Structure formats: structure tokens, C-alpha cells
Protein backbone atom coordinates (compact mmCIF):
# COMPACT_ATOMS: atom_id res chain seq x y z
CA MET A 1 10.77 7.43 -33.59
CA ILE A 2 10.07 9.70 -30.62
CA ARG A 3 8.91 13.19 -31.48
CA ALA A 4 10.73 16.12 -29.90
CA PHE A 5 8.18 18.43 -28.27
CA LYS A 6 9.17 22.00 -27.46
CA PRO A 7 8.06 24.13 -24.49
CA GLY A 8 4.83 25.94 -25.35
CA GLU A 9 3.65 23.24 -27.76
CA ARG A 10 0.11 21.88 -27.34
CA VAL A 11 -0.02 18.10 -26.82
CA ARG A 12 -2.63 15.42 -26.21
CA HIS A 13 -2.43 12.49 -23.79
CA GLY A 14 -4.83 9.53 -23.93
CA ASP A 15 -5.89 9.78 -20.28
CA LEU A 16 -5.10 13.37 -19.30
CA GLY A 17 -6.39 15.19 -22.40
CA GLU A 18 -4.82 18.32 -23.85
CA GLY A 19 -1.92 20.10 -22.23
CA VAL A 20 1.01 22.41 -22.85
CA VAL A 21 4.66 21.38 -22.68
CA ILE A 22 6.44 23.38 -19.99
CA GLY A 23 9.91 21.86 -20.10
CA PRO A 24 12.25 19.89 -22.35
CA ALA A 25 12.29 16.11 -22.41
CA VAL A 26 14.84 14.47 -20.09
CA ASP A 27 15.51 10.72 -20.14
CA GLY A 28 12.24 10.01 -21.99
CA PHE A 29 10.04 12.09 -19.65
CA ILE A 30 8.60 15.56 -20.21
CA LYS A 31 6.79 18.12 -18.03
CA VAL A 32 3.33 19.03 -19.25
CA PHE A 33 0.68 21.26 -17.72
CA PHE A 34 -2.81 19.71 -18.00
CA PRO A 35 -6.13 21.05 -16.66
CA SER A 36 -5.61 18.72 -13.69
CA GLY A 37 -2.15 20.18 -12.99
CA GLU A 38 1.50 19.72 -13.87
CA ARG A 39 2.64 16.19 -14.66
CA GLN A 40 5.87 14.56 -15.70
CA ILE A 41 5.00 11.81 -18.17
CA ARG A 42 6.63 9.60 -20.78
CA VAL A 43 7.12 11.28 -24.15
CA GLU A 44 5.79 8.15 -25.93
CA GLY A 45 2.37 8.77 -24.40
CA LEU A 46 1.98 12.14 -26.12
CA GLY A 47 0.84 13.28 -29.52
CA PRO A 48 0.32 16.69 -31.04
CA ALA A 49 -2.92 18.46 -30.11
CA LEU A 50 -4.48 19.49 -33.41
CA SER A 51 -7.29 21.96 -33.97
CA ARG A 52 -10.33 20.67 -35.83
CA SER A 53 -9.13 22.29 -39.08
CA GLU A 54 -5.63 20.85 -38.70
CA ALA A 55 -7.06 17.37 -38.13
CA VAL A 56 -9.30 17.60 -41.22
CA VAL A 57 -6.42 18.72 -43.41
CA LEU A 58 -4.09 16.06 -42.01
CA ASN A 59 -6.71 13.35 -42.65
CA ALA A 60 -7.44 14.54 -46.21
CA LYS A 61 -4.53 12.31 -47.33
CA GLY A 62 -3.93 13.62 -50.82
CA ASP A 63 -7.43 15.01 -51.42
CA SER A 64 -6.37 18.60 -52.11
CA LYS A 65 -9.95 19.75 -52.78
CA ARG A 66 -11.09 18.49 -49.39
CA ALA A 67 -8.14 20.19 -47.69
CA LEU A 68 -8.88 23.47 -49.47
CA ARG A 69 -12.56 23.33 -48.44
CA ALA A 70 -11.51 22.76 -44.82
CA TRP A 71 -9.46 25.96 -44.82
CA LEU A 72 -12.21 27.97 -46.53
């Protein structure tokens, strides 16, 4: 399943790093602004860019105490 990214959303690409979506996806491609500049890339190559806290909570996988400690 392909995730629908919205303009303004932070994303991560394996080669280009973190960027911000600047336009809607069209025919499987999306415009993203990276530190190296604007690129139009395949949506499949993107994932959400998570902060350190978000990543810890997401990876807690059912360990509610660990997730709570991450937020504290």
C-alpha cells in the first residue's frame, strides 16, 4: 500500500535524506524539497521522517512503560 503524503509533511528518502513535501502525488511521483534542492521522486521511495521521540515510541511495540518514559 502506498502512503498518501500531504504538502508540508516531513519525509525521509534513503539517498536524499529528510525533506518536505511541496506538492501532491501525481502518477506515483511527488515533489519534495531536500537540502540539495527540489526533486520529483517516486512515492514508494519515501517514508515518514520521525523525530527521535516518535521513533522510540513507534519502536516500543506494546511496551507502554517504555513509551511513557520516552515522552517524559
